[in-house]
Structure formats: C-alpha cells, structure tokens
Amino acid sequence: MMPGPFELIIILVIVLLLFGGKRLKNIGGDLGGAIKGFKKSMKEGENDNIDSTDTVIDAKVIKEEDKVTK
C-alpha cells in the first residue's frame, strides 16, 4: 500500500528534524553530482573502442609446487 500525501508530509517533517535543511541540501547536491559523474563516465565508456592493433600475450600459470620440483 502506498503512503498517502499526509504520511509523506509527516515523513518529510521527521527527516527535516533529524538532518536539518542545510544538511539535506548538501546531501541532495552531492547525490546530484554523483549521478552526473556516473552518467559522464558511462558516456565516455561507450566511446572507448578496442584497438585492433593490440597484441595478445600468451601466459602460463605455474604452480608453486611445480617450481620446486623442476
């Protein structure tokens, strides 16, 4: 069941009493900045292309036990 407008107003008043208006403003600004940064990094990630001239290096995993016995 969704809270009605009266319940939302009560929740808002309680939050304002707990955190204060200035602190809520700072939290909102920080949250907005984080979302903008996330969106910006997602757009930059889409523009990154893998260069086909990259070289592939083969690697072999050697266990510690194999090093001692050789």
C-alpha atoms as a PDB file:
ATOM      1  CA  MET A   1       0.000   0.000   0.000  1.00  0.00           C
ATOM      2  CA  MET A   2       1.414   3.377  -1.000  1.00  0.00           C
ATOM      3  CA  PRO A   3       1.624   6.107   1.641  1.00  0.00           C
ATOM      4  CA  GLY A   4      -0.772   8.979   1.112  1.00  0.00           C
ATOM      5  CA  PRO A   5       0.126  12.671   0.980  1.00  0.00           C
ATOM      6  CA  PHE A   6      -0.422  13.127   4.732  1.00  0.00           C
ATOM      7  CA  GLU A   7       2.023  10.306   5.563  1.00  0.00           C
ATOM      8  CA  LEU A   8       4.601  11.722   3.126  1.00  0.00           C
ATOM      9  CA  ILE A   9       4.372  15.136   4.814  1.00  0.00           C
ATOM     10  CA  ILE A  10       4.919  13.542   8.232  1.00  0.00           C
ATOM     11  CA  ILE A  11       7.969  11.642   6.908  1.00  0.00           C
ATOM     12  CA  LEU A  12       9.356  14.854   5.389  1.00  0.00           C
ATOM     13  CA  VAL A  13       8.947  16.731   8.700  1.00  0.00           C
ATOM     14  CA  ILE A  14      10.716  13.941  10.608  1.00  0.00           C
ATOM     15  CA  VAL A  15      13.603  13.905   8.109  1.00  0.00           C
ATOM     16  CA  LEU A  16      13.918  17.701   8.345  1.00  0.00           C
ATOM     17  CA  LEU A  17      14.033  17.493  12.139  1.00  0.00           C
ATOM     18  CA  LEU A  18      16.697  14.777  12.067  1.00  0.00           C
ATOM     19  CA  PHE A  19      19.023  16.234   9.444  1.00  0.00           C
ATOM     20  CA  GLY A  20      18.143  19.896   9.125  1.00  0.00           C
ATOM     21  CA  GLY A  21      17.562  21.850   5.946  1.00  0.00           C
ATOM     22  CA  LYS A  22      21.182  22.776   5.219  1.00  0.00           C
ATOM     23  CA  ARG A  23      22.442  19.224   5.575  1.00  0.00           C
ATOM     24  CA  LEU A  24      19.661  17.899   3.322  1.00  0.00           C
ATOM     25  CA  LYS A  25      20.598  20.499   0.711  1.00  0.00           C
ATOM     26  CA  ASN A  26      24.230  19.331   0.834  1.00  0.00           C
ATOM     27  CA  ILE A  27      23.204  15.679   0.586  1.00  0.00           C
ATOM     28  CA  GLY A  28      20.998  16.457  -2.432  1.00  0.00           C
ATOM     29  CA  GLY A  29      23.799  18.372  -4.158  1.00  0.00           C
ATOM     30  CA  ASP A  30      26.292  15.578  -3.516  1.00  0.00           C
ATOM     31  CA  LEU A  31      23.860  12.984  -4.810  1.00  0.00           C
ATOM     32  CA  GLY A  32      23.188  15.032  -7.947  1.00  0.00           C
ATOM     33  CA  GLY A  33      26.925  15.443  -8.572  1.00  0.00           C
ATOM     34  CA  ALA A  34      27.467  11.721  -8.174  1.00  0.00           C
ATOM     35  CA  ILE A  35      24.728  10.927 -10.674  1.00  0.00           C
ATOM     36  CA  LYS A  36      26.160  13.420 -13.183  1.00  0.00           C
ATOM     37  CA  GLY A  37      29.624  11.907 -12.777  1.00  0.00           C
ATOM     38  CA  PHE A  38      28.244   8.408 -13.254  1.00  0.00           C
ATOM     39  CA  LYS A  39      26.397   9.385 -16.430  1.00  0.00           C
ATOM     40  CA  LYS A  40      29.503  11.146 -17.769  1.00  0.00           C
ATOM     41  CA  SER A  41      31.679   8.088 -17.160  1.00  0.00           C
ATOM     42  CA  MET A  42      29.098   5.846 -18.837  1.00  0.00           C
ATOM     43  CA  LYS A  43      29.145   8.060 -21.961  1.00  0.00           C
ATOM     44  CA  GLU A  44      32.957   8.040 -22.011  1.00  0.00           C
ATOM     45  CA  GLY A  45      32.930   4.250 -21.655  1.00  0.00           C
ATOM     46  CA  GLU A  46      30.700   3.910 -24.717  1.00  0.00           C
ATOM     47  CA  ASN A  47      33.172   5.925 -26.794  1.00  0.00           C
ATOM     48  CA  ASP A  48      36.138   3.726 -25.877  1.00  0.00           C
ATOM     49  CA  ASN A  49      36.861   1.314 -28.696  1.00  0.00           C
ATOM     50  CA  ILE A  50      39.234  -1.610 -28.568  1.00  0.00           C
ATOM     51  CA  ASP A  51      42.144  -1.026 -30.901  1.00  0.00           C
ATOM     52  CA  SER A  52      42.609  -3.961 -33.247  1.00  0.00           C
ATOM     53  CA  THR A  53      46.381  -3.419 -33.266  1.00  0.00           C
ATOM     54  CA  ASP A  54      46.697  -4.533 -29.645  1.00  0.00           C
ATOM     55  CA  THR A  55      48.877  -7.583 -29.217  1.00  0.00           C
ATOM     56  CA  VAL A  56      47.772 -10.659 -27.342  1.00  0.00           C
ATOM     57  CA  ILE A  57      50.242 -12.184 -24.933  1.00  0.00           C
ATOM     58  CA  ASP A  58      50.008 -15.856 -24.004  1.00  0.00           C
ATOM     59  CA  ALA A  59      50.665 -16.644 -20.372  1.00  0.00           C
ATOM     60  CA  LYS A  60      51.189 -19.861 -18.499  1.00  0.00           C
ATOM     61  CA  VAL A  61      50.313 -20.321 -14.838  1.00  0.00           C
ATOM     62  CA  ILE A  62      52.987 -22.185 -12.883  1.00  0.00           C
ATOM     63  CA  LYS A  63      52.061 -23.579  -9.508  1.00  0.00           C
ATOM     64  CA  GLU A  64      54.435 -23.126  -6.598  1.00  0.00           C
ATOM     65  CA  GLU A  65      54.815 -26.933  -6.331  1.00  0.00           C
ATOM     66  CA  ASP A  66      55.966 -27.161  -9.973  1.00  0.00           C
ATOM     67  CA  LYS A  67      58.691 -24.559  -9.410  1.00  0.00           C
ATOM     68  CA  VAL A  68      60.236 -26.552  -6.587  1.00  0.00           C
ATOM     69  CA  THR A  69      60.214 -29.910  -8.411  1.00  0.00           C
ATOM     70  CA  LYS A  70      61.826 -28.590 -11.587  1.00  0.00           C
END
